[in-house]
Amino acid sequence: MLVNADRRRALAIAALLLTVVVVGVASAQEANNTEEDLADKEDDGSVVLLLGLVCGLPFFLLALFGILWMLVYPVMLVWAVLFSGKKLDQQIADTTSREVSLRDSLGRDPLTTIDGGYRTDITSCGIVWTGVVFGPSHWHLLVGWFNNLTGGSIDIFQKVVSAGRAEAMQRLREKAVANGWDDVINVRIDTADMAPQGAKNSVKGVEIFAYGTGVKYDN
């Protein structure tokens, strides 16, 4: 009887242990399957999110740029109204001051539009050139647009171009002095638009190119 009881007890313990092992294996397998499913779902979600970001990022950036432009442009326009005229006047005054200072130091203007054929003591010569880009502000463009409605002289654009020409000529003087030329003869100025004639949304500007022949005299 005791032997049978021990056998039954041993069989019961073995069955219990087997049950525990089977349940543990099944639970582990189910957990692994669940983790794999979750991992697959996470991977699928990551791929979808990545594709969404790649496809939607340009539209998001465009929308963000549009919002920023709506907020910034009025501020830029107000800034141009208040300070663009003063800045242009300061540039003109600075160019004039540099020109007067250089002429006083040399005692003459080194630039001339004639060919210098009256001088026979030229020892060396070479090309001298410089360029500058000037453009009106948005406020200037707006003023010019209203001026175009009635026609006639657009004074604000003339002022911008005149400032650019004066700056180009002064840079040519300074470059000639820096390179050791006594004079620059046959001085010419070319002007070119920085935007196509019919372009509405491109940058409006004008390039002013000044050049001449630098000469060195036998002093």
C-alpha atoms as a PDB file:
ATOM      1  CA  MET A   1       0.000   0.000   0.000  1.00  0.00           C
ATOM      2  CA  LEU A   2       2.817   2.338   0.892  1.00  0.00           C
ATOM      3  CA  VAL A   3       4.563   1.465  -2.355  1.00  0.00           C
ATOM      4  CA  ASN A   4       1.448   2.233  -4.346  1.00  0.00           C
ATOM      5  CA  ALA A   5       0.988   5.516  -2.447  1.00  0.00           C
ATOM      6  CA  ASP A   6       4.583   6.502  -3.158  1.00  0.00           C
ATOM      7  CA  ARG A   7       4.108   5.631  -6.807  1.00  0.00           C
ATOM      8  CA  ARG A   8       0.930   7.668  -6.989  1.00  0.00           C
ATOM      9  CA  ARG A   9       2.657  10.573  -5.256  1.00  0.00           C
ATOM     10  CA  ALA A  10       5.601  10.363  -7.640  1.00  0.00           C
ATOM     11  CA  LEU A  11       3.303  10.156 -10.651  1.00  0.00           C
ATOM     12  CA  ALA A  12       1.322  13.159  -9.399  1.00  0.00           C
ATOM     13  CA  ILE A  13       4.495  15.222  -8.910  1.00  0.00           C
ATOM     14  CA  ALA A  14       5.786  14.190 -12.318  1.00  0.00           C
ATOM     15  CA  ALA A  15       2.462  15.082 -13.924  1.00  0.00           C
ATOM     16  CA  LEU A  16       2.470  18.420 -12.123  1.00  0.00           C
ATOM     17  CA  LEU A  17       6.013  19.156 -13.227  1.00  0.00           C
ATOM     18  CA  LEU A  18       5.159  18.140 -16.790  1.00  0.00           C
ATOM     19  CA  THR A  19       2.121  20.377 -16.725  1.00  0.00           C
ATOM     20  CA  VAL A  20       4.201  23.275 -15.457  1.00  0.00           C
ATOM     21  CA  VAL A  21       6.814  22.699 -18.154  1.00  0.00           C
ATOM     22  CA  VAL A  22       4.198  22.441 -20.899  1.00  0.00           C
ATOM     23  CA  VAL A  23       2.414  25.573 -19.699  1.00  0.00           C
ATOM     24  CA  GLY A  24       5.720  27.438 -19.424  1.00  0.00           C
ATOM     25  CA  VAL A  25       6.769  26.444 -22.936  1.00  0.00           C
ATOM     26  CA  ALA A  26       3.377  27.386 -24.332  1.00  0.00           C
ATOM     27  CA  SER A  27       3.462  30.722 -22.508  1.00  0.00           C
ATOM     28  CA  ALA A  28       6.972  31.449 -23.749  1.00  0.00           C
ATOM     29  CA  GLN A  29       6.013  30.581 -27.303  1.00  0.00           C
ATOM     30  CA  GLU A  30       2.922  32.739 -27.109  1.00  0.00           C
ATOM     31  CA  ALA A  31       4.985  35.560 -25.672  1.00  0.00           C
ATOM     32  CA  ASN A  32       7.499  35.209 -28.488  1.00  0.00           C
ATOM     33  CA  ASN A  33       4.717  35.247 -31.061  1.00  0.00           C
ATOM     34  CA  THR A  34       3.218  38.301 -29.426  1.00  0.00           C
ATOM     35  CA  GLU A  35       6.558  40.069 -29.395  1.00  0.00           C
ATOM     36  CA  GLU A  36       7.141  39.196 -33.033  1.00  0.00           C
ATOM     37  CA  ASP A  37       3.695  40.467 -33.940  1.00  0.00           C
ATOM     38  CA  LEU A  38       4.328  43.650 -32.002  1.00  0.00           C
ATOM     39  CA  ALA A  39       7.732  43.996 -33.627  1.00  0.00           C
ATOM     40  CA  ASP A  40       6.208  43.453 -37.040  1.00  0.00           C
ATOM     41  CA  LYS A  41       3.519  45.983 -36.272  1.00  0.00           C
ATOM     42  CA  GLU A  42       6.115  48.436 -34.980  1.00  0.00           C
ATOM     43  CA  ASP A  43       8.196  47.900 -38.101  1.00  0.00           C
ATOM     44  CA  ASP A  44       5.154  48.433 -40.288  1.00  0.00           C
ATOM     45  CA  GLY A  45       4.257  51.529 -38.298  1.00  0.00           C
ATOM     46  CA  SER A  46       7.809  52.864 -38.607  1.00  0.00           C
ATOM     47  CA  VAL A  47       7.796  52.329 -42.377  1.00  0.00           C
ATOM     48  CA  VAL A  48       4.427  54.063 -42.720  1.00  0.00           C
ATOM     49  CA  LEU A  49       5.595  56.941 -40.514  1.00  0.00           C
ATOM     50  CA  LEU A  50       8.818  57.291 -42.503  1.00  0.00           C
ATOM     51  CA  LEU A  51       6.961  57.306 -45.806  1.00  0.00           C
ATOM     52  CA  GLY A  52       4.514  59.841 -44.409  1.00  0.00           C
ATOM     53  CA  LEU A  53       7.342  62.097 -43.295  1.00  0.00           C
ATOM     54  CA  VAL A  54       9.153  61.837 -46.628  1.00  0.00           C
ATOM     55  CA  CYS A  55       5.991  62.538 -48.634  1.00  0.00           C
ATOM     56  CA  GLY A  56       4.570  65.169 -46.320  1.00  0.00           C
ATOM     57  CA  LEU A  57       7.755  67.048 -45.435  1.00  0.00           C
ATOM     58  CA  PRO A  58       7.860  69.193 -48.630  1.00  0.00           C
ATOM     59  CA  PHE A  59       4.225  70.227 -48.153  1.00  0.00           C
ATOM     60  CA  PHE A  60       4.883  70.958 -44.486  1.00  0.00           C
ATOM     61  CA  LEU A  61       7.897  73.097 -45.346  1.00  0.00           C
ATOM     62  CA  LEU A  62       5.943  74.972 -48.009  1.00  0.00           C
ATOM     63  CA  ALA A  63       3.113  75.614 -45.581  1.00  0.00           C
ATOM     64  CA  LEU A  64       5.577  76.715 -42.904  1.00  0.00           C
ATOM     65  CA  PHE A  65       7.351  79.016 -45.364  1.00  0.00           C
ATOM     66  CA  GLY A  66       4.012  80.499 -46.414  1.00  0.00           C
ATOM     67  CA  ILE A  67       3.043  81.190 -42.822  1.00  0.00           C
ATOM     68  CA  LEU A  68       6.436  82.706 -42.019  1.00  0.00           C
ATOM     69  CA  TRP A  69       6.325  84.824 -45.184  1.00  0.00           C
ATOM     70  CA  MET A  70       2.869  86.144 -44.254  1.00  0.00           C
ATOM     71  CA  LEU A  71       4.249  87.193 -40.881  1.00  0.00           C
ATOM     72  CA  VAL A  72       7.677  88.441 -41.974  1.00  0.00           C
ATOM     73  CA  TYR A  73       6.839  90.294 -45.198  1.00  0.00           C
ATOM     74  CA  PRO A  74       4.793  93.086 -43.534  1.00  0.00           C
ATOM     75  CA  VAL A  75       7.655  93.598 -41.075  1.00  0.00           C
ATOM     76  CA  MET A  76      10.152  93.739 -43.965  1.00  0.00           C
ATOM     77  CA  LEU A  77       7.979  96.245 -45.807  1.00  0.00           C
ATOM     78  CA  VAL A  78       7.680  98.486 -42.758  1.00  0.00           C
ATOM     79  CA  TRP A  79      11.447  98.204 -42.260  1.00  0.00           C
ATOM     80  CA  ALA A  80      12.028  99.212 -45.889  1.00  0.00           C
ATOM     81  CA  VAL A  81       9.673 102.178 -45.551  1.00  0.00           C
ATOM     82  CA  LEU A  82      11.512 103.427 -42.468  1.00  0.00           C
ATOM     83  CA  PHE A  83      15.136 102.691 -43.297  1.00  0.00           C
ATOM     84  CA  SER A  84      15.709 101.977 -47.028  1.00  0.00           C
ATOM     85  CA  GLY A  85      15.776 105.668 -47.955  1.00  0.00           C
ATOM     86  CA  LYS A  86      18.182 106.464 -45.122  1.00  0.00           C
ATOM     87  CA  LYS A  87      20.431 103.565 -46.104  1.00  0.00           C
ATOM     88  CA  LEU A  88      20.573 104.732 -49.712  1.00  0.00           C
ATOM     89  CA  ASP A  89      21.376 108.290 -48.620  1.00  0.00           C
ATOM     90  CA  GLN A  90      24.122 106.972 -46.335  1.00  0.00           C
ATOM     91  CA  GLN A  91      25.624 104.967 -49.209  1.00  0.00           C
ATOM     92  CA  ILE A  92      25.602 108.044 -51.454  1.00  0.00           C
ATOM     93  CA  ALA A  93      27.192 110.159 -48.711  1.00  0.00           C
ATOM     94  CA  ASP A  94      29.867 107.513 -48.076  1.00  0.00           C
ATOM     95  CA  THR A  95      30.718 107.280 -51.790  1.00  0.00           C
ATOM     96  CA  THR A  96      30.925 111.068 -52.075  1.00  0.00           C
ATOM     97  CA  SER A  97      33.146 111.300 -49.006  1.00  0.00           C
ATOM     98  CA  ARG A  98      35.557 108.663 -50.362  1.00  0.00           C
ATOM     99  CA  GLU A  99      35.655 110.393 -53.749  1.00  0.00           C
ATOM    100  CA  VAL A 100      36.438 113.801 -52.230  1.00  0.00           C
ATOM    101  CA  SER A 101      39.110 112.292 -49.968  1.00  0.00           C
ATOM    102  CA  LEU A 102      40.817 110.513 -52.885  1.00  0.00           C
ATOM    103  CA  ARG A 103      40.735 113.585 -55.113  1.00  0.00           C
ATOM    104  CA  ASP A 104      42.200 115.714 -52.328  1.00  0.00           C
ATOM    105  CA  SER A 105      45.031 113.221 -51.788  1.00  0.00           C
ATOM    106  CA  LEU A 106      45.855 112.987 -55.517  1.00  0.00           C
ATOM    107  CA  GLY A 107      45.048 116.566 -56.430  1.00  0.00           C
ATOM    108  CA  ARG A 108      43.052 115.386 -59.454  1.00  0.00           C
ATOM    109  CA  ASP A 109      40.592 112.790 -60.677  1.00  0.00           C
ATOM    110  CA  PRO A 110      42.466 109.735 -62.036  1.00  0.00           C
ATOM    111  CA  LEU A 111      39.556 108.741 -64.271  1.00  0.00           C
ATOM    112  CA  THR A 112      39.040 110.147 -67.736  1.00  0.00           C
ATOM    113  CA  THR A 113      36.946 109.161 -70.737  1.00  0.00           C
ATOM    114  CA  ILE A 114      39.501 110.336 -73.325  1.00  0.00           C
ATOM    115  CA  ASP A 115      42.145 108.038 -74.806  1.00  0.00           C
ATOM    116  CA  GLY A 116      45.218 109.760 -73.373  1.00  0.00           C
ATOM    117  CA  GLY A 117      46.857 110.095 -76.766  1.00  0.00           C
ATOM    118  CA  TYR A 118      48.287 113.464 -75.798  1.00  0.00           C
ATOM    119  CA  ARG A 119      50.717 111.742 -73.415  1.00  0.00           C
ATOM    120  CA  THR A 120      53.888 110.224 -74.836  1.00  0.00           C
ATOM    121  CA  ASP A 121      55.525 109.209 -71.549  1.00  0.00           C
ATOM    122  CA  ILE A 122      53.388 106.139 -70.818  1.00  0.00           C
ATOM    123  CA  THR A 123      55.611 103.279 -69.627  1.00  0.00           C
ATOM    124  CA  SER A 124      53.026 100.576 -68.918  1.00  0.00           C
ATOM    125  CA  CYS A 125      49.319  99.977 -69.195  1.00  0.00           C
ATOM    126  CA  GLY A 126      46.686  97.393 -68.360  1.00  0.00           C
ATOM    127  CA  ILE A 127      42.965  96.827 -67.959  1.00  0.00           C
ATOM    128  CA  VAL A 128      41.271  98.023 -64.785  1.00  0.00           C
ATOM    129  CA  TRP A 129      37.716  97.025 -64.006  1.00  0.00           C
ATOM    130  CA  THR A 130      35.244  96.771 -61.179  1.00  0.00           C
ATOM    131  CA  GLY A 131      31.572  96.052 -60.718  1.00  0.00           C
ATOM    132  CA  VAL A 132      28.759  96.707 -58.305  1.00  0.00           C
ATOM    133  CA  VAL A 133      25.185  95.448 -57.996  1.00  0.00           C
ATOM    134  CA  PHE A 134      22.487  97.808 -56.776  1.00  0.00           C
ATOM    135  CA  GLY A 135      18.809  97.161 -56.346  1.00  0.00           C
ATOM    136  CA  PRO A 136      15.759  98.984 -55.031  1.00  0.00           C
ATOM    137  CA  SER A 137      14.004  97.864 -51.877  1.00  0.00           C
ATOM    138  CA  HIS A 138      10.445  96.559 -51.885  1.00  0.00           C
ATOM    139  CA  TRP A 139       9.306 100.017 -50.860  1.00  0.00           C
ATOM    140  CA  HIS A 140      11.153 101.556 -53.794  1.00  0.00           C
ATOM    141  CA  LEU A 141       9.584  99.000 -56.120  1.00  0.00           C
ATOM    142  CA  LEU A 142       6.151  99.835 -54.743  1.00  0.00           C
ATOM    143  CA  VAL A 143       6.752 103.565 -55.217  1.00  0.00           C
ATOM    144  CA  GLY A 144       8.021 102.918 -58.742  1.00  0.00           C
ATOM    145  CA  TRP A 145       4.955 100.797 -59.510  1.00  0.00           C
ATOM    146  CA  PHE A 146       2.636 103.649 -58.497  1.00  0.00           C
ATOM    147  CA  ASN A 147       4.776 106.049 -60.515  1.00  0.00           C
ATOM    148  CA  ASN A 148       4.367 103.815 -63.551  1.00  0.00           C
ATOM    149  CA  LEU A 149       0.607 104.346 -63.346  1.00  0.00           C
ATOM    150  CA  THR A 150       1.035 107.985 -64.323  1.00  0.00           C
ATOM    151  CA  GLY A 151       4.257 107.629 -66.317  1.00  0.00           C
ATOM    152  CA  GLY A 152       7.153 110.018 -66.504  1.00  0.00           C
ATOM    153  CA  SER A 153      10.466 110.017 -64.702  1.00  0.00           C
ATOM    154  CA  ILE A 154      10.810 107.409 -61.949  1.00  0.00           C
ATOM    155  CA  ASP A 155      12.974 109.432 -59.609  1.00  0.00           C
ATOM    156  CA  ILE A 156      13.529 106.702 -57.030  1.00  0.00           C
ATOM    157  CA  PHE A 157      14.984 104.324 -59.631  1.00  0.00           C
ATOM    158  CA  GLN A 158      17.167 107.105 -61.034  1.00  0.00           C
ATOM    159  CA  LYS A 159      18.520 107.687 -57.546  1.00  0.00           C
ATOM    160  CA  VAL A 160      19.340 104.003 -57.075  1.00  0.00           C
ATOM    161  CA  VAL A 161      21.089 103.730 -60.454  1.00  0.00           C
ATOM    162  CA  SER A 162      22.981 107.006 -59.901  1.00  0.00           C
ATOM    163  CA  ALA A 163      24.187 105.720 -56.533  1.00  0.00           C
ATOM    164  CA  GLY A 164      25.340 102.502 -58.189  1.00  0.00           C
ATOM    165  CA  ARG A 165      27.205 104.371 -60.945  1.00  0.00           C
ATOM    166  CA  ALA A 166      28.931 106.633 -58.422  1.00  0.00           C
ATOM    167  CA  GLU A 167      29.972 103.623 -56.340  1.00  0.00           C
ATOM    168  CA  ALA A 168      31.313 101.780 -59.403  1.00  0.00           C
ATOM    169  CA  MET A 169      33.369 104.806 -60.478  1.00  0.00           C
ATOM    170  CA  GLN A 170      34.767 105.269 -56.980  1.00  0.00           C
ATOM    171  CA  ARG A 171      35.728 101.608 -56.739  1.00  0.00           C
ATOM    172  CA  LEU A 172      37.505 101.997 -60.089  1.00  0.00           C
ATOM    173  CA  ARG A 173      39.474 104.951 -58.693  1.00  0.00           C
ATOM    174  CA  GLU A 174      40.410 103.038 -55.557  1.00  0.00           C
ATOM    175  CA  LYS A 175      41.418  99.946 -57.513  1.00  0.00           C
ATOM    176  CA  ALA A 176      43.566 101.999 -59.884  1.00  0.00           C
ATOM    177  CA  VAL A 177      45.391 103.638 -56.977  1.00  0.00           C
ATOM    178  CA  ALA A 178      45.818 100.297 -55.213  1.00  0.00           C
ATOM    179  CA  ASN A 179      47.345  98.760 -58.365  1.00  0.00           C
ATOM    180  CA  GLY A 180      49.742 101.669 -58.844  1.00  0.00           C
ATOM    181  CA  TRP A 181      48.232 103.255 -61.965  1.00  0.00           C
ATOM    182  CA  ASP A 182      48.589 106.995 -62.392  1.00  0.00           C
ATOM    183  CA  ASP A 183      45.447 107.375 -64.520  1.00  0.00           C
ATOM    184  CA  VAL A 184      42.649 105.317 -66.014  1.00  0.00           C
ATOM    185  CA  ILE A 185      41.810 106.382 -69.574  1.00  0.00           C
ATOM    186  CA  ASN A 186      38.958 105.380 -71.876  1.00  0.00           C
ATOM    187  CA  VAL A 187      36.666 104.839 -68.900  1.00  0.00           C
ATOM    188  CA  ARG A 188      33.359 103.224 -69.819  1.00  0.00           C
ATOM    189  CA  ILE A 189      30.324 102.042 -67.892  1.00  0.00           C
ATOM    190  CA  ASP A 190      28.035  99.154 -68.832  1.00  0.00           C
ATOM    191  CA  THR A 191      24.730  98.418 -67.140  1.00  0.00           C
ATOM    192  CA  ALA A 192      22.863  95.117 -67.176  1.00  0.00           C
ATOM    193  CA  ASP A 193      19.655  93.922 -65.549  1.00  0.00           C
ATOM    194  CA  MET A 194      19.994  91.119 -63.026  1.00  0.00           C
ATOM    195  CA  ALA A 195      16.519  89.770 -63.864  1.00  0.00           C
ATOM    196  CA  PRO A 196      14.674  89.065 -67.138  1.00  0.00           C
ATOM    197  CA  GLN A 197      12.573  91.926 -68.419  1.00  0.00           C
ATOM    198  CA  GLY A 198       9.249  90.152 -67.930  1.00  0.00           C
ATOM    199  CA  ALA A 199      10.070  88.390 -64.659  1.00  0.00           C
ATOM    200  CA  LYS A 200       7.654  89.308 -61.877  1.00  0.00           C
ATOM    201  CA  ASN A 201       8.890  87.238 -58.954  1.00  0.00           C
ATOM    202  CA  SER A 202      12.645  87.297 -59.565  1.00  0.00           C
ATOM    203  CA  VAL A 203      15.222  89.497 -57.906  1.00  0.00           C
ATOM    204  CA  LYS A 204      15.236  93.038 -59.237  1.00  0.00           C
ATOM    205  CA  GLY A 205      18.702  94.528 -59.502  1.00  0.00           C
ATOM    206  CA  VAL A 206      21.152  96.153 -61.856  1.00  0.00           C
ATOM    207  CA  GLU A 207      24.818  95.358 -62.359  1.00  0.00           C
ATOM    208  CA  ILE A 208      27.052  98.339 -63.133  1.00  0.00           C
ATOM    209  CA  PHE A 209      30.395  97.420 -64.684  1.00  0.00           C
ATOM    210  CA  ALA A 210      33.078 100.117 -64.954  1.00  0.00           C
ATOM    211  CA  TYR A 211      36.352  99.586 -66.786  1.00  0.00           C
ATOM    212  CA  GLY A 212      39.195 101.432 -68.435  1.00  0.00           C
ATOM    213  CA  THR A 213      42.889 101.299 -69.312  1.00  0.00           C
ATOM    214  CA  GLY A 214      45.252 101.911 -66.449  1.00  0.00           C
ATOM    215  CA  VAL A 215      48.430 103.753 -67.429  1.00  0.00           C
ATOM    216  CA  LYS A 216      51.714 104.409 -65.694  1.00  0.00           C
ATOM    217  CA  TYR A 217      53.723 107.515 -66.595  1.00  0.00           C
ATOM    218  CA  ASP A 218      57.445 107.964 -66.640  1.00  0.00           C
ATOM    219  CA  ASN A 219      57.745 110.280 -63.667  1.00  0.00           C
END
